[in-house]
Protein backbone atom coordinates (compact mmCIF):
# COMPACT_ATOMS: atom_id res chain seq x y z
CA MET A 1 3.58 93.34 136.19
CA ILE A 2 4.24 91.91 132.72
CA TYR A 3 2.50 88.68 131.71
CA LYS A 4 3.08 88.66 127.96
CA ASN A 5 6.32 87.12 126.71
CA ASN A 6 7.34 87.24 123.04
CA SER A 7 9.08 83.86 123.29
CA SER A 8 5.93 82.16 124.55
CA PRO A 9 4.32 79.57 122.25
CA ILE A 10 0.89 80.86 123.32
CA MET A 11 -1.09 82.50 120.52
CA ASP A 12 -3.83 84.64 121.97
CA GLY A 13 -7.23 83.06 121.41
CA VAL A 14 -5.77 80.06 119.57
CA ASN A 15 -4.09 77.92 122.22
CA GLY A 16 -4.50 80.13 125.26
CA TYR A 17 -4.72 83.75 126.23
CA ILE A 18 -1.83 86.12 126.68
CA SER A 19 -1.83 89.78 127.53
CA ASP A 20 -0.36 92.42 129.81
CA SER A 21 -3.92 93.36 130.76
CA ILE A 22 -5.29 91.64 133.85
CA SER A 23 -8.80 92.82 132.97
CA TYR A 24 -8.54 91.20 129.52
CA LEU A 25 -7.31 87.93 131.04
CA ARG A 26 -10.11 88.04 133.61
CA GLU A 27 -12.63 88.57 130.82
CA CYS A 28 -11.19 85.61 128.88
CA LEU A 29 -11.40 83.39 131.95
CA GLY A 30 -15.05 84.34 132.45
CA HIS A 31 -15.73 83.60 128.81
CA LEU A 32 -14.20 80.12 129.12
CA LEU A 33 -16.18 79.39 132.26
CA GLU A 34 -19.37 80.19 130.34
CA ASN A 35 -18.34 78.35 127.15
CA LYS A 36 -17.27 74.84 128.05
CA GLU A 37 -16.81 73.62 124.46
CA GLU A 38 -14.56 76.54 123.60
CA ALA A 39 -12.54 75.89 126.76
CA PHE A 40 -12.01 72.28 125.69
CA SER A 41 -11.07 73.37 122.17
CA LEU A 42 -8.55 75.90 123.46
CA GLY A 43 -7.13 73.26 125.79
CA GLU A 44 -6.76 70.79 122.93
CA GLU A 45 -4.87 73.36 120.88
CA ALA A 46 -2.65 74.05 123.89
CA ARG A 47 -1.94 70.32 124.21
CA LYS A 48 -0.99 70.11 120.53
CA THR A 49 1.31 73.11 120.88
CA ALA A 50 2.99 71.65 123.96
CA LEU A 51 3.62 68.33 122.19
CA GLN A 52 4.88 70.08 119.07
CA LYS A 53 7.22 72.46 120.91
CA PHE A 54 8.22 70.38 123.92
CA GLY A 55 7.47 66.75 123.05
CA LEU A 56 9.86 63.83 123.44
CA ASP A 57 11.06 64.02 119.83
CA GLN A 58 12.05 67.67 120.22
CA PHE A 59 13.75 66.93 123.55
CA VAL A 60 15.82 64.08 122.06
CA GLU A 61 16.68 66.13 118.97
CA LYS A 62 17.95 69.06 121.06
CA TRP A 63 19.81 66.77 123.43
CA GLY A 64 21.85 65.03 120.73
């Protein structure tokens, strides 16, 4: 099964984790469970990316 997608806005270790390796993703999940502050930081970066790529302004711009 393929999990990694080149069109994804996820940057591994910056705003999420992405890989074709289930064991790597499992390791990352364990790391986040043990490092609450890093999990929050990664989540904040993911939120910023989502707003930047898929926010209302981008939606309206692409619609018109």
